[in-house]
PDB file of N, CA and C in Angstrom:
ATOM      1  N   MET A   1      32.297   0.831 -59.740  1.00  0.00           N
ATOM      2  CA  MET A   1      32.109   2.073 -60.466  1.00  0.00           C
ATOM      3  C   MET A   1      31.186   2.963 -59.643  1.00  0.00           C
ATOM      4  N   ASN A   2      31.565   4.243 -59.471  1.00  0.00           N
ATOM      5  CA  ASN A   2      30.734   5.137 -58.687  1.00  0.00           C
ATOM      6  C   ASN A   2      29.729   5.878 -59.569  1.00  0.00           C
ATOM      7  N   ILE A   3      28.861   6.644 -58.961  1.00  0.00           N
ATOM      8  CA  ILE A   3      27.796   7.335 -59.678  1.00  0.00           C
ATOM      9  C   ILE A   3      28.361   8.292 -60.717  1.00  0.00           C
ATOM     10  N   ALA A   4      29.415   9.022 -60.372  1.00  0.00           N
ATOM     11  CA  ALA A   4      30.003   9.967 -61.324  1.00  0.00           C
ATOM     12  C   ALA A   4      30.538   9.234 -62.553  1.00  0.00           C
ATOM     13  N   ALA A   5      31.192   8.103 -62.329  1.00  0.00           N
ATOM     14  CA  ALA A   5      31.703   7.318 -63.459  1.00  0.00           C
ATOM     15  C   ALA A   5      30.562   6.769 -64.301  1.00  0.00           C
ATOM     16  N   LEU A   6      29.490   6.348 -63.647  1.00  0.00           N
ATOM     17  CA  LEU A   6      28.320   5.876 -64.385  1.00  0.00           C
ATOM     18  C   LEU A   6      27.731   6.988 -65.244  1.00  0.00           C
ATOM     19  N   ALA A   7      27.659   8.175 -64.682  1.00  0.00           N
ATOM     20  CA  ALA A   7      27.114   9.305 -65.437  1.00  0.00           C
ATOM     21  C   ALA A   7      28.014   9.647 -66.615  1.00  0.00           C
ATOM     22  N   ARG A   8      29.337   9.645 -66.389  1.00  0.00           N
ATOM     23  CA  ARG A   8      30.268   9.920 -67.491  1.00  0.00           C
ATOM     24  C   ARG A   8      30.132   8.893 -68.589  1.00  0.00           C
ATOM     25  N   SER A   9      30.028   7.616 -68.213  1.00  0.00           N
ATOM     26  CA  SER A   9      29.916   6.575 -69.229  1.00  0.00           C
ATOM     27  C   SER A   9      28.609   6.677 -69.995  1.00  0.00           C
ATOM     28  N   ALA A  10      27.581   7.199 -69.355  1.00  0.00           N
ATOM     29  CA  ALA A  10      26.292   7.342 -70.026  1.00  0.00           C
ATOM     30  C   ALA A  10      26.336   8.417 -71.106  1.00  0.00           C
ATOM     31  N   TYR A  11      27.237   9.392 -70.950  1.00  0.00           N
ATOM     32  CA  TYR A  11      27.304  10.492 -71.904  1.00  0.00           C
ATOM     33  C   TYR A  11      28.605  10.516 -72.709  1.00  0.00           C
ATOM     34  N   SER A  12      29.417   9.487 -72.612  1.00  0.00           N
ATOM     35  CA  SER A  12      30.753   9.539 -73.180  1.00  0.00           C
ATOM     36  C   SER A  12      30.816   9.445 -74.698  1.00  0.00           C
ATOM     37  N   ASP A  13      29.994   8.673 -75.345  1.00  0.00           N
ATOM     38  CA  ASP A  13      30.085   8.441 -76.775  1.00  0.00           C
ATOM     39  C   ASP A  13      29.110   9.349 -77.521  1.00  0.00           C
ATOM     40  N   ALA A  14      29.662  10.343 -78.207  1.00  0.00           N
ATOM     41  CA  ALA A  14      28.813  11.303 -78.919  1.00  0.00           C
ATOM     42  C   ALA A  14      28.064  10.654 -80.077  1.00  0.00           C
ATOM     43  N   SER A  15      28.555   9.525 -80.586  1.00  0.00           N
ATOM     44  CA  SER A  15      27.869   8.865 -81.696  1.00  0.00           C
ATOM     45  C   SER A  15      26.755   7.941 -81.218  1.00  0.00           C
ATOM     46  N   ALA A  16      26.662   7.750 -79.933  1.00  0.00           N
ATOM     47  CA  ALA A  16      25.613   6.898 -79.371  1.00  0.00           C
ATOM     48  C   ALA A  16      24.271   7.609 -79.501  1.00  0.00           C
ATOM     49  N   PRO A  17      23.188   6.843 -79.499  1.00  0.00           N
ATOM     50  CA  PRO A  17      21.867   7.477 -79.579  1.00  0.00           C
ATOM     51  C   PRO A  17      21.637   8.412 -78.400  1.00  0.00           C
ATOM     52  N   ILE A  18      20.827   9.415 -78.611  1.00  0.00           N
ATOM     53  CA  ILE A  18      20.506  10.365 -77.547  1.00  0.00           C
ATOM     54  C   ILE A  18      19.723   9.634 -76.466  1.00  0.00           C
ATOM     55  N   LYS A  19      20.130   9.856 -75.226  1.00  0.00           N
ATOM     56  CA  LYS A  19      19.481   9.194 -74.103  1.00  0.00           C
ATOM     57  C   LYS A  19      18.574  10.169 -73.384  1.00  0.00           C
ATOM     58  N   THR A  20      17.454   9.669 -72.964  1.00  0.00           N
ATOM     59  CA  THR A  20      16.551  10.481 -72.155  1.00  0.00           C
ATOM     60  C   THR A  20      16.982  10.367 -70.704  1.00  0.00           C
ATOM     61  N   GLU A  21      16.429  11.241 -69.866  1.00  0.00           N
ATOM     62  CA  GLU A  21      16.721  11.153 -68.432  1.00  0.00           C
ATOM     63  C   GLU A  21      16.288   9.799 -67.884  1.00  0.00           C
ATOM     64  N   ARG A  22      15.127   9.323 -68.319  1.00  0.00           N
ATOM     65  CA  ARG A  22      14.625   8.034 -67.826  1.00  0.00           C
ATOM     66  C   ARG A  22      15.518   6.887 -68.276  1.00  0.00           C
ATOM     67  N   SER A  23      15.993   6.915 -69.503  1.00  0.00           N
ATOM     68  CA  SER A  23      16.847   5.810 -69.953  1.00  0.00           C
ATOM     69  C   SER A  23      18.184   5.843 -69.228  1.00  0.00           C
ATOM     70  N   THR A  24      18.660   7.040 -68.899  1.00  0.00           N
ATOM     71  CA  THR A  24      19.901   7.151 -68.122  1.00  0.00           C
ATOM     72  C   THR A  24      19.676   6.630 -66.710  1.00  0.00           C
ATOM     73  N   GLU A  25      18.533   6.989 -66.095  1.00  0.00           N
ATOM     74  CA  GLU A  25      18.197   6.468 -64.766  1.00  0.00           C
ATOM     75  C   GLU A  25      18.111   4.950 -64.807  1.00  0.00           C
ATOM     76  N   TYR A  26      17.452   4.441 -65.823  1.00  0.00           N
ATOM     77  CA  TYR A  26      17.318   2.985 -65.969  1.00  0.00           C
ATOM     78  C   TYR A  26      18.695   2.335 -66.041  1.00  0.00           C
ATOM     79  N   GLN A  27      19.576   2.888 -66.844  1.00  0.00           N
ATOM     80  CA  GLN A  27      20.914   2.321 -67.007  1.00  0.00           C
ATOM     81  C   GLN A  27      21.679   2.304 -65.683  1.00  0.00           C
ATOM     82  N   ILE A  28      21.584   3.390 -64.935  1.00  0.00           N
ATOM     83  CA  ILE A  28      22.286   3.445 -63.645  1.00  0.00           C
ATOM     84  C   ILE A  28      21.694   2.428 -62.672  1.00  0.00           C
ATOM     85  N   PHE A  29      20.361   2.369 -62.601  1.00  0.00           N
ATOM     86  CA  PHE A  29      19.726   1.362 -61.747  1.00  0.00           C
ATOM     87  C   PHE A  29      20.158  -0.044 -62.158  1.00  0.00           C
ATOM     88  N   ALA A  30      20.180  -0.312 -63.457  1.00  0.00           N
ATOM     89  CA  ALA A  30      20.538  -1.643 -63.954  1.00  0.00           C
ATOM     90  C   ALA A  30      21.966  -2.012 -63.577  1.00  0.00           C
ATOM     91  N   GLN A  31      22.883  -1.074 -63.736  1.00  0.00           N
ATOM     92  CA  GLN A  31      24.279  -1.363 -63.409  1.00  0.00           C
ATOM     93  C   GLN A  31      24.473  -1.617 -61.918  1.00  0.00           C
ATOM     94  N   ILE A  32      23.879  -0.783 -61.095  1.00  0.00           N
ATOM     95  CA  ILE A  32      24.016  -0.958 -59.639  1.00  0.00           C
ATOM     96  C   ILE A  32      23.328  -2.244 -59.196  1.00  0.00           C
ATOM     97  N   THR A  33      22.143  -2.501 -59.718  1.00  0.00           N
ATOM     98  CA  THR A  33      21.408  -3.708 -59.335  1.00  0.00           C
ATOM     99  C   THR A  33      22.166  -4.956 -59.745  1.00  0.00           C
ATOM    100  N   HIS A  34      22.769  -4.924 -60.912  1.00  0.00           N
ATOM    101  CA  HIS A  34      23.583  -6.062 -61.355  1.00  0.00           C
ATOM    102  C   HIS A  34      24.746  -6.287 -60.387  1.00  0.00           C
ATOM    103  N   ARG A  35      25.395  -5.210 -59.967  1.00  0.00           N
ATOM    104  CA  ARG A  35      26.509  -5.342 -59.020  1.00  0.00           C
ATOM    105  C   ARG A  35      26.030  -5.882 -57.685  1.00  0.00           C
ATOM    106  N   LEU A  36      24.869  -5.410 -57.202  1.00  0.00           N
ATOM    107  CA  LEU A  36      24.328  -5.923 -55.938  1.00  0.00           C
ATOM    108  C   LEU A  36      24.050  -7.417 -56.038  1.00  0.00           C
ATOM    109  N   THR A  37      23.487  -7.837 -57.154  1.00  0.00           N
ATOM    110  CA  THR A  37      23.166  -9.253 -57.353  1.00  0.00           C
ATOM    111  C   THR A  37      24.439 -10.090 -57.458  1.00  0.00           C
ATOM    112  N   LYS A  38      25.402  -9.568 -58.161  1.00  0.00           N
ATOM    113  CA  LYS A  38      26.659 -10.283 -58.395  1.00  0.00           C
ATOM    114  C   LYS A  38      27.430 -10.528 -57.094  1.00  0.00           C
ATOM    115  N   VAL A  39      27.413  -9.561 -56.186  1.00  0.00           N
ATOM    116  CA  VAL A  39      28.214  -9.682 -54.965  1.00  0.00           C
ATOM    117  C   VAL A  39      27.412 -10.186 -53.775  1.00  0.00           C
ATOM    118  N   SER A  40      26.185 -10.572 -54.003  1.00  0.00           N
ATOM    119  CA  SER A  40      25.352 -10.992 -52.880  1.00  0.00           C
ATOM    120  C   SER A  40      25.545 -12.457 -52.510  1.00  0.00           C
ATOM    121  N   THR A  41      26.600 -13.071 -53.011  1.00  0.00           N
ATOM    122  CA  THR A  41      26.842 -14.482 -52.728  1.00  0.00           C
ATOM    123  C   THR A  41      27.202 -14.728 -51.271  1.00  0.00           C
ATOM    124  N   GLY A  42      27.701 -13.702 -50.589  1.00  0.00           N
ATOM    125  CA  GLY A  42      27.962 -13.826 -49.174  1.00  0.00           C
ATOM    126  C   GLY A  42      29.361 -14.273 -48.805  1.00  0.00           C
ATOM    127  N   ASP A  43      30.222 -14.572 -49.784  1.00  0.00           N
ATOM    128  CA  ASP A  43      31.569 -14.976 -49.398  1.00  0.00           C
ATOM    129  C   ASP A  43      32.367 -13.758 -48.934  1.00  0.00           C
ATOM    130  N   LEU A  44      33.275 -13.992 -48.034  1.00  0.00           N
ATOM    131  CA  LEU A  44      34.017 -12.929 -47.381  1.00  0.00           C
ATOM    132  C   LEU A  44      34.842 -12.110 -48.366  1.00  0.00           C
ATOM    133  N   ALA A  45      35.367 -12.743 -49.405  1.00  0.00           N
ATOM    134  CA  ALA A  45      36.216 -12.043 -50.366  1.00  0.00           C
ATOM    135  C   ALA A  45      35.462 -10.951 -51.120  1.00  0.00           C
ATOM    136  N   SER A  46      34.160 -11.082 -51.247  1.00  0.00           N
ATOM    137  CA  SER A  46      33.405 -10.089 -52.008  1.00  0.00           C
ATOM    138  C   SER A  46      32.818  -8.977 -51.136  1.00  0.00           C
ATOM    139  N   PHE A  47      33.167  -8.933 -49.851  1.00  0.00           N
ATOM    140  CA  PHE A  47      32.581  -7.924 -48.975  1.00  0.00           C
ATOM    141  C   PHE A  47      32.917  -6.505 -49.413  1.00  0.00           C
ATOM    142  N   ILE A  48      34.137  -6.269 -49.872  1.00  0.00           N
ATOM    143  CA  ILE A  48      34.512  -4.926 -50.331  1.00  0.00           C
ATOM    144  C   ILE A  48      33.674  -4.538 -51.545  1.00  0.00           C
ATOM    145  N   ASP A  49      33.495  -5.480 -52.472  1.00  0.00           N
ATOM    146  CA  ASP A  49      32.652  -5.213 -53.636  1.00  0.00           C
ATOM    147  C   ASP A  49      31.212  -4.942 -53.203  1.00  0.00           C
ATOM    148  N   LEU A  50      30.741  -5.697 -52.230  1.00  0.00           N
ATOM    149  CA  LEU A  50      29.388  -5.491 -51.713  1.00  0.00           C
ATOM    150  C   LEU A  50      29.268  -4.102 -51.101  1.00  0.00           C
ATOM    151  N   ALA A  51      30.244  -3.710 -50.292  1.00  0.00           N
ATOM    152  CA  ALA A  51      30.206  -2.394 -49.648  1.00  0.00           C
ATOM    153  C   ALA A  51      30.218  -1.278 -50.694  1.00  0.00           C
ATOM    154  N   GLU A  52      30.987  -1.443 -51.746  1.00  0.00           N
ATOM    155  CA  GLU A  52      31.026  -0.431 -52.808  1.00  0.00           C
ATOM    156  C   GLU A  52      29.684  -0.360 -53.548  1.00  0.00           C
ATOM    157  N   ALA A  53      29.094  -1.507 -53.838  1.00  0.00           N
ATOM    158  CA  ALA A  53      27.796  -1.532 -54.520  1.00  0.00           C
ATOM    159  C   ALA A  53      26.718  -0.912 -53.631  1.00  0.00           C
ATOM    160  N   ILE A  54      26.746  -1.231 -52.339  1.00  0.00           N
ATOM    161  CA  ILE A  54      25.796  -0.653 -51.387  1.00  0.00           C
ATOM    162  C   ILE A  54      25.982   0.865 -51.335  1.00  0.00           C
ATOM    163  N   HIS A  55      27.224   1.303 -51.289  1.00  0.00           N
ATOM    164  CA  HIS A  55      27.518   2.735 -51.247  1.00  0.00           C
ATOM    165  C   HIS A  55      26.946   3.448 -52.473  1.00  0.00           C
ATOM    166  N   ASP A  56      27.183   2.891 -53.656  1.00  0.00           N
ATOM    167  CA  ASP A  56      26.673   3.504 -54.876  1.00  0.00           C
ATOM    168  C   ASP A  56      25.149   3.500 -54.906  1.00  0.00           C
ATOM    169  N   ASN A  57      24.540   2.433 -54.412  1.00  0.00           N
ATOM    170  CA  ASN A  57      23.086   2.366 -54.358  1.00  0.00           C
ATOM    171  C   ASN A  57      22.542   3.420 -53.390  1.00  0.00           C
ATOM    172  N   ARG A  58      23.191   3.588 -52.261  1.00  0.00           N
ATOM    173  CA  ARG A  58      22.785   4.613 -51.301  1.00  0.00           C
ATOM    174  C   ARG A  58      22.888   6.004 -51.920  1.00  0.00           C
ATOM    175  N   ARG A  59      23.975   6.243 -52.630  1.00  0.00           N
ATOM    176  CA  ARG A  59      24.163   7.549 -53.273  1.00  0.00           C
ATOM    177  C   ARG A  59      23.059   7.804 -54.294  1.00  0.00           C
ATOM    178  N   LEU A  60      22.717   6.795 -55.076  1.00  0.00           N
ATOM    179  CA  LEU A  60      21.649   6.930 -56.059  1.00  0.00           C
ATOM    180  C   LEU A  60      20.347   7.308 -55.366  1.00  0.00           C
ATOM    181  N   TRP A  61      20.010   6.587 -54.301  1.00  0.00           N
ATOM    182  CA  TRP A  61      18.761   6.859 -53.597  1.00  0.00           C
ATOM    183  C   TRP A  61      18.800   8.191 -52.861  1.00  0.00           C
ATOM    184  N   THR A  62      19.953   8.630 -52.416  1.00  0.00           N
ATOM    185  CA  THR A  62      20.087   9.947 -51.784  1.00  0.00           C
ATOM    186  C   THR A  62      19.821  11.045 -52.810  1.00  0.00           C
ATOM    187  N   ILE A  63      20.341  10.853 -54.016  1.00  0.00           N
ATOM    188  CA  ILE A  63      20.095  11.809 -55.100  1.00  0.00           C
ATOM    189  C   ILE A  63      18.599  11.861 -55.418  1.00  0.00           C
ATOM    190  N   LEU A  64      17.973  10.693 -55.511  1.00  0.00           N
ATOM    191  CA  LEU A  64      16.540  10.650 -55.795  1.00  0.00           C
ATOM    192  C   LEU A  64      15.742  11.341 -54.691  1.00  0.00           C
ATOM    193  N   ALA A  65      16.106  11.072 -53.436  1.00  0.00           N
ATOM    194  CA  ALA A  65      15.398  11.682 -52.304  1.00  0.00           C
ATOM    195  C   ALA A  65      15.541  13.197 -52.327  1.00  0.00           C
ATOM    196  N   SER A  66      16.741  13.692 -52.593  1.00  0.00           N
ATOM    197  CA  SER A  66      16.922  15.144 -52.623  1.00  0.00           C
ATOM    198  C   SER A  66      16.184  15.763 -53.805  1.00  0.00           C
ATOM    199  N   ASP A  67      16.042  15.015 -54.891  1.00  0.00           N
ATOM    200  CA  ASP A  67      15.313  15.515 -56.051  1.00  0.00           C
ATOM    201  C   ASP A  67      13.815  15.611 -55.770  1.00  0.00           C
ATOM    202  N   VAL A  68      13.259  14.624 -55.092  1.00  0.00           N
ATOM    203  CA  VAL A  68      11.800  14.637 -54.870  1.00  0.00           C
ATOM    204  C   VAL A  68      11.367  15.625 -53.793  1.00  0.00           C
ATOM    205  N   VAL A  69      12.270  16.108 -52.959  1.00  0.00           N
ATOM    206  CA  VAL A  69      11.885  17.120 -51.973  1.00  0.00           C
ATOM    207  C   VAL A  69      11.979  18.538 -52.546  1.00  0.00           C
ATOM    208  N   ASP A  70      12.554  18.653 -53.731  1.00  0.00           N
ATOM    209  CA  ASP A  70      12.636  19.946 -54.400  1.00  0.00           C
ATOM    210  C   ASP A  70      11.234  20.412 -54.780  1.00  0.00           C
ATOM    211  N   LYS A  71      10.885  21.624 -54.408  1.00  0.00           N
ATOM    212  CA  LYS A  71       9.544  22.151 -54.667  1.00  0.00           C
ATOM    213  C   LYS A  71       9.224  22.211 -56.160  1.00  0.00           C
ATOM    214  N   GLU A  72      10.233  22.265 -56.995  1.00  0.00           N
ATOM    215  CA  GLU A  72      10.000  22.360 -58.434  1.00  0.00           C
ATOM    216  C   GLU A  72       9.931  20.997 -59.118  1.00  0.00           C
ATOM    217  N   ASN A  73      10.025  19.921 -58.353  1.00  0.00           N
ATOM    218  CA  ASN A  73       9.904  18.586 -58.927  1.00  0.00           C
ATOM    219  C   ASN A  73       8.484  18.409 -59.441  1.00  0.00           C
ATOM    220  N   GLY A  74       8.359  17.954 -60.685  1.00  0.00           N
ATOM    221  CA  GLY A  74       7.059  17.858 -61.319  1.00  0.00           C
ATOM    222  C   GLY A  74       6.287  16.581 -61.068  1.00  0.00           C
ATOM    223  N   LEU A  75       6.855  15.650 -60.323  1.00  0.00           N
ATOM    224  CA  LEU A  75       6.142  14.405 -60.047  1.00  0.00           C
ATOM    225  C   LEU A  75       4.974  14.649 -59.098  1.00  0.00           C
ATOM    226  N   PRO A  76       3.945  13.807 -59.181  1.00  0.00           N
ATOM    227  CA  PRO A  76       2.825  13.926 -58.231  1.00  0.00           C
ATOM    228  C   PRO A  76       3.314  13.741 -56.792  1.00  0.00           C
ATOM    229  N   ALA A  77       2.664  14.436 -55.876  1.00  0.00           N
ATOM    230  CA  ALA A  77       3.077  14.412 -54.462  1.00  0.00           C
ATOM    231  C   ALA A  77       3.123  12.994 -53.900  1.00  0.00           C
ATOM    232  N   GLN A  78       2.154  12.160 -54.235  1.00  0.00           N
ATOM    233  CA  GLN A  78       2.111  10.782 -53.726  1.00  0.00           C
ATOM    234  C   GLN A  78       3.337   9.989 -54.185  1.00  0.00           C
ATOM    235  N   LEU A  79       3.699  10.119 -55.453  1.00  0.00           N
ATOM    236  CA  LEU A  79       4.863   9.413 -55.982  1.00  0.00           C
ATOM    237  C   LEU A  79       6.138   9.931 -55.350  1.00  0.00           C
ATOM    238  N   ARG A  80       6.219  11.230 -55.156  1.00  0.00           N
ATOM    239  CA  ARG A  80       7.396  11.810 -54.500  1.00  0.00           C
ATOM    240  C   ARG A  80       7.544  11.260 -53.088  1.00  0.00           C
ATOM    241  N   ALA A  81       6.437  11.147 -52.371  1.00  0.00           N
ATOM    242  CA  ALA A  81       6.469  10.610 -51.004  1.00  0.00           C
ATOM    243  C   ALA A  81       6.909   9.149 -51.007  1.00  0.00           C
ATOM    244  N   GLN A  82       6.422   8.381 -51.968  1.00  0.00           N
ATOM    245  CA  GLN A  82       6.805   6.969 -52.056  1.00  0.00           C
ATOM    246  C   GLN A  82       8.295   6.818 -52.356  1.00  0.00           C
ATOM    247  N   ILE A  83       8.817   7.633 -53.261  1.00  0.00           N
ATOM    248  CA  ILE A  83      10.243   7.578 -53.585  1.00  0.00           C
ATOM    249  C   ILE A  83      11.067   7.953 -52.360  1.00  0.00           C
ATOM    250  N   PHE A  84      10.632   8.980 -51.626  1.00  0.00           N
ATOM    251  CA  PHE A  84      11.361   9.372 -50.422  1.00  0.00           C
ATOM    252  C   PHE A  84      11.354   8.254 -49.392  1.00  0.00           C
ATOM    253  N   TYR A  85      10.207   7.606 -49.214  1.00  0.00           N
ATOM    254  CA  TYR A  85      10.123   6.480 -48.285  1.00  0.00           C
ATOM    255  C   TYR A  85      11.078   5.365 -48.709  1.00  0.00           C
ATOM    256  N   LEU A  86      11.111   5.051 -49.998  1.00  0.00           N
ATOM    257  CA  LEU A  86      12.015   3.994 -50.481  1.00  0.00           C
ATOM    258  C   LEU A  86      13.475   4.371 -50.248  1.00  0.00           C
ATOM    259  N   ALA A  87      13.795   5.637 -50.385  1.00  0.00           N
ATOM    260  CA  ALA A  87      15.163   6.089 -50.104  1.00  0.00           C
ATOM    261  C   ALA A  87      15.510   5.863 -48.632  1.00  0.00           C
ATOM    262  N   GLU A  88      14.577   6.180 -47.740  1.00  0.00           N
ATOM    263  CA  GLU A  88      14.805   5.942 -46.306  1.00  0.00           C
ATOM    264  C   GLU A  88      14.945   4.449 -46.018  1.00  0.00           C
ATOM    265  N   PHE A  89      14.069   3.652 -46.617  1.00  0.00           N
ATOM    266  CA  PHE A  89      14.145   2.204 -46.415  1.00  0.00           C
ATOM    267  C   PHE A  89      15.481   1.667 -46.916  1.00  0.00           C
ATOM    268  N   THR A  90      15.901   2.130 -48.088  1.00  0.00           N
ATOM    269  CA  THR A  90      17.163   1.673 -48.673  1.00  0.00           C
ATOM    270  C   THR A  90      18.329   1.998 -47.748  1.00  0.00           C
ATOM    271  N   GLU A  91      18.327   3.185 -47.177  1.00  0.00           N
ATOM    272  CA  GLU A  91      19.394   3.582 -46.249  1.00  0.00           C
ATOM    273  C   GLU A  91      19.421   2.652 -45.035  1.00  0.00           C
ATOM    274  N   ASN A  92      18.274   2.429 -44.434  1.00  0.00           N
ATOM    275  CA  ASN A  92      18.213   1.582 -43.234  1.00  0.00           C
ATOM    276  C   ASN A  92      18.534   0.125 -43.550  1.00  0.00           C
ATOM    277  N   HIS A  93      18.003  -0.385 -44.634  1.00  0.00           N
ATOM    278  CA  HIS A  93      18.254  -1.785 -44.983  1.00  0.00           C
ATOM    279  C   HIS A  93      19.716  -1.997 -45.370  1.00  0.00           C
ATOM    280  N   SER A  94      20.315  -1.009 -45.994  1.00  0.00           N
ATOM    281  CA  SER A  94      21.731  -1.118 -46.369  1.00  0.00           C
ATOM    282  C   SER A  94      22.612  -1.310 -45.138  1.00  0.00           C
ATOM    283  N   ARG A  95      22.272  -0.584 -44.063  1.00  0.00           N
ATOM    284  CA  ARG A  95      23.025  -0.753 -42.806  1.00  0.00           C
ATOM    285  C   ARG A  95      22.931  -2.192 -42.316  1.00  0.00           C
ATOM    286  N   LYS A  96      21.735  -2.766 -42.415  1.00  0.00           N
ATOM    287  CA  LYS A  96      21.539  -4.148 -41.974  1.00  0.00           C
ATOM    288  C   LYS A  96      22.324  -5.121 -42.842  1.00  0.00           C
ATOM    289  N   VAL A  97      22.373  -4.866 -44.146  1.00  0.00           N
ATOM    290  CA  VAL A  97      23.133  -5.746 -45.048  1.00  0.00           C
ATOM    291  C   VAL A  97      24.611  -5.690 -44.686  1.00  0.00           C
ATOM    292  N   LEU A  98      25.137  -4.505 -44.481  1.00  0.00           N
ATOM    293  CA  LEU A  98      26.558  -4.368 -44.149  1.00  0.00           C
ATOM    294  C   LEU A  98      26.886  -4.965 -42.781  1.00  0.00           C
ATOM    295  N   ALA A  99      25.900  -4.996 -41.882  1.00  0.00           N
ATOM    296  CA  ALA A  99      26.083  -5.620 -40.563  1.00  0.00           C
ATOM    297  C   ALA A  99      25.802  -7.122 -40.614  1.00  0.00           C
ATOM    298  N   LYS A 100      25.513  -7.623 -41.798  1.00  0.00           N
ATOM    299  CA  LYS A 100      25.206  -9.042 -42.033  1.00  0.00           C
ATOM    300  C   LYS A 100      23.956  -9.498 -41.273  1.00  0.00           C
ATOM    301  N   GLU A 101      23.012  -8.559 -41.117  1.00  0.00           N
ATOM    302  CA  GLU A 101      21.736  -8.866 -40.473  1.00  0.00           C
ATOM    303  C   GLU A 101      20.632  -9.062 -41.498  1.00  0.00           C
ATOM    304  N   ALA A 102      20.938  -8.810 -42.780  1.00  0.00           N
ATOM    305  CA  ALA A 102      19.955  -8.939 -43.858  1.00  0.00           C
ATOM    306  C   ALA A 102      20.692  -9.210 -45.161  1.00  0.00           C
ATOM    307  N   THR A 103      19.928  -9.580 -46.172  1.00  0.00           N
ATOM    308  CA  THR A 103      20.507  -9.801 -47.503  1.00  0.00           C
ATOM    309  C   THR A 103      20.179  -8.608 -48.401  1.00  0.00           C
ATOM    310  N   VAL A 104      20.774  -8.589 -49.569  1.00  0.00           N
ATOM    311  CA  VAL A 104      20.516  -7.509 -50.521  1.00  0.00           C
ATOM    312  C   VAL A 104      19.215  -7.722 -51.294  1.00  0.00           C
ATOM    313  N   ASP A 105      18.535  -8.814 -51.041  1.00  0.00           N
ATOM    314  CA  ASP A 105      17.344  -9.150 -51.833  1.00  0.00           C
ATOM    315  C   ASP A 105      16.322  -8.017 -51.896  1.00  0.00           C
ATOM    316  N   ALA A 106      16.027  -7.368 -50.798  1.00  0.00           N
ATOM    317  CA  ALA A 106      15.035  -6.289 -50.788  1.00  0.00           C
ATOM    318  C   ALA A 106      15.517  -5.107 -51.625  1.00  0.00           C
ATOM    319  N   LEU A 107      16.806  -4.799 -51.551  1.00  0.00           N
ATOM    320  CA  LEU A 107      17.360  -3.703 -52.345  1.00  0.00           C
ATOM    321  C   LEU A 107      17.263  -4.010 -53.836  1.00  0.00           C
ATOM    322  N   VAL A 108      17.581  -5.239 -54.191  1.00  0.00           N
ATOM    323  CA  VAL A 108      17.492  -5.662 -55.592  1.00  0.00           C
ATOM    324  C   VAL A 108      16.039  -5.601 -56.060  1.00  0.00           C
ATOM    325  N   GLU A 109      15.132  -6.054 -55.223  1.00  0.00           N
ATOM    326  CA  GLU A 109      13.714  -6.050 -55.587  1.00  0.00           C
ATOM    327  C   GLU A 109      13.193  -4.628 -55.802  1.00  0.00           C
ATOM    328  N   ILE A 110      13.565  -3.709 -54.931  1.00  0.00           N
ATOM    329  CA  ILE A 110      13.146  -2.316 -55.072  1.00  0.00           C
ATOM    330  C   ILE A 110      13.693  -1.729 -56.375  1.00  0.00           C
ATOM    331  N   ASN A 111      14.989  -1.912 -56.600  1.00  0.00           N
ATOM    332  CA  ASN A 111      15.597  -1.367 -57.810  1.00  0.00           C
ATOM    333  C   ASN A 111      14.970  -1.969 -59.068  1.00  0.00           C
ATOM    334  N   THR A 112      14.713  -3.270 -59.038  1.00  0.00           N
ATOM    335  CA  THR A 112      14.113  -3.941 -60.189  1.00  0.00           C
ATOM    336  C   THR A 112      12.711  -3.406 -60.457  1.00  0.00           C
ATOM    337  N   THR A 113      11.958  -3.145 -59.407  1.00  0.00           N
ATOM    338  CA  THR A 113      10.615  -2.593 -59.566  1.00  0.00           C
ATOM    339  C   THR A 113      10.680  -1.194 -60.181  1.00  0.00           C
ATOM    340  N   VAL A 114      11.618  -0.389 -59.730  1.00  0.00           N
ATOM    341  CA  VAL A 114      11.788   0.949 -60.308  1.00  0.00           C
ATOM    342  C   VAL A 114      12.177   0.829 -61.782  1.00  0.00           C
ATOM    343  N   MET A 115      13.062  -0.106 -62.088  1.00  0.00           N
ATOM    344  CA  MET A 115      13.469  -0.298 -63.486  1.00  0.00           C
ATOM    345  C   MET A 115      12.272  -0.697 -64.354  1.00  0.00           C
ATOM    346  N   ARG A 116      11.402  -1.556 -63.820  1.00  0.00           N
ATOM    347  CA  ARG A 116      10.183  -1.931 -64.572  1.00  0.00           C
ATOM    348  C   ARG A 116       9.327  -0.701 -64.847  1.00  0.00           C
ATOM    349  N   GLY A 117       9.212   0.154 -63.860  1.00  0.00           N
ATOM    350  CA  GLY A 117       8.441   1.382 -64.048  1.00  0.00           C
ATOM    351  C   GLY A 117       9.062   2.300 -65.093  1.00  0.00           C
ATOM    352  N   LEU A 118      10.390   2.407 -65.075  1.00  0.00           N
ATOM    353  CA  LEU A 118      11.061   3.221 -66.077  1.00  0.00           C
ATOM    354  C   LEU A 118      10.907   2.614 -67.473  1.00  0.00           C
ATOM    355  N   ARG A 119      10.983   1.310 -67.555  1.00  0.00           N
ATOM    356  CA  ARG A 119      10.832   0.628 -68.838  1.00  0.00           C
ATOM    357  C   ARG A 119       9.404   0.772 -69.353  1.00  0.00           C
ATOM    358  N   ALA A 120       8.423   0.685 -68.459  1.00  0.00           N
ATOM    359  CA  ALA A 120       7.018   0.767 -68.853  1.00  0.00           C
ATOM    360  C   ALA A 120       6.689   2.123 -69.474  1.00  0.00           C
ATOM    361  N   SER A 121       7.498   3.126 -69.138  1.00  0.00           N
ATOM    362  CA  SER A 121       7.253   4.451 -69.700  1.00  0.00           C
ATOM    363  C   SER A 121       7.572   4.500 -71.180  1.00  0.00           C
ATOM    364  N   GLY A 122       8.239   3.456 -71.677  1.00  0.00           N
ATOM    365  CA  GLY A 122       8.555   3.386 -73.095  1.00  0.00           C
ATOM    366  C   GLY A 122       9.831   4.105 -73.489  1.00  0.00           C
ATOM    367  N   THR A 123      10.572   4.627 -72.507  1.00  0.00           N
ATOM    368  CA  THR A 123      11.785   5.368 -72.845  1.00  0.00           C
ATOM    369  C   THR A 123      13.056   4.624 -72.511  1.00  0.00           C
ATOM    370  N   ALA A 124      12.957   3.546 -71.751  1.00  0.00           N
ATOM    371  CA  ALA A 124      14.145   2.785 -71.385  1.00  0.00           C
ATOM    372  C   ALA A 124      14.405   1.723 -72.450  1.00  0.00           C
ATOM    373  N   PRO A 125      15.645   1.230 -72.511  1.00  0.00           N
ATOM    374  CA  PRO A 125      15.976   0.224 -73.520  1.00  0.00           C
ATOM    375  C   PRO A 125      15.214  -1.055 -73.337  1.00  0.00           C
TER     376      PRO A 125
END
C-alpha cells in the first residue's frame, strides 16, 4: 500500500471518529513499520515486498523532511533538525538494506521511536 492509499484509508469512513494529524501520522508509521517488520525475514521471495515497504517509508520520511524545512513549520528548530537528520539517515540506510548490506532493524527502531513520541502526546490510539 502506498502513501496515497494510506491517506485515503485514513479518511475513508465518515462514521469513524475524527482523527488528528498526529493520530493519522501514527497510523501511517504503524502500517509502514509493520510491513517493514513483516518482510524483513530476508527470503528472496519477499524482496519485492521489502522494496515496496522501503519505498513507502522513504516517501514518508521525504514528506516529513520537506515539511520541517518549511519556514512556517511550528516545531522547535532543534526538533526540526533532528527530523531532517533522521530523514537523511533513513534514505541512506534504505539504500544499504536494498543492497543487502544492512537490515531493516534501524528503520524499524526509528519509526517505533517516532510512534512512541506520537503516542506520548496523548492523541494517538
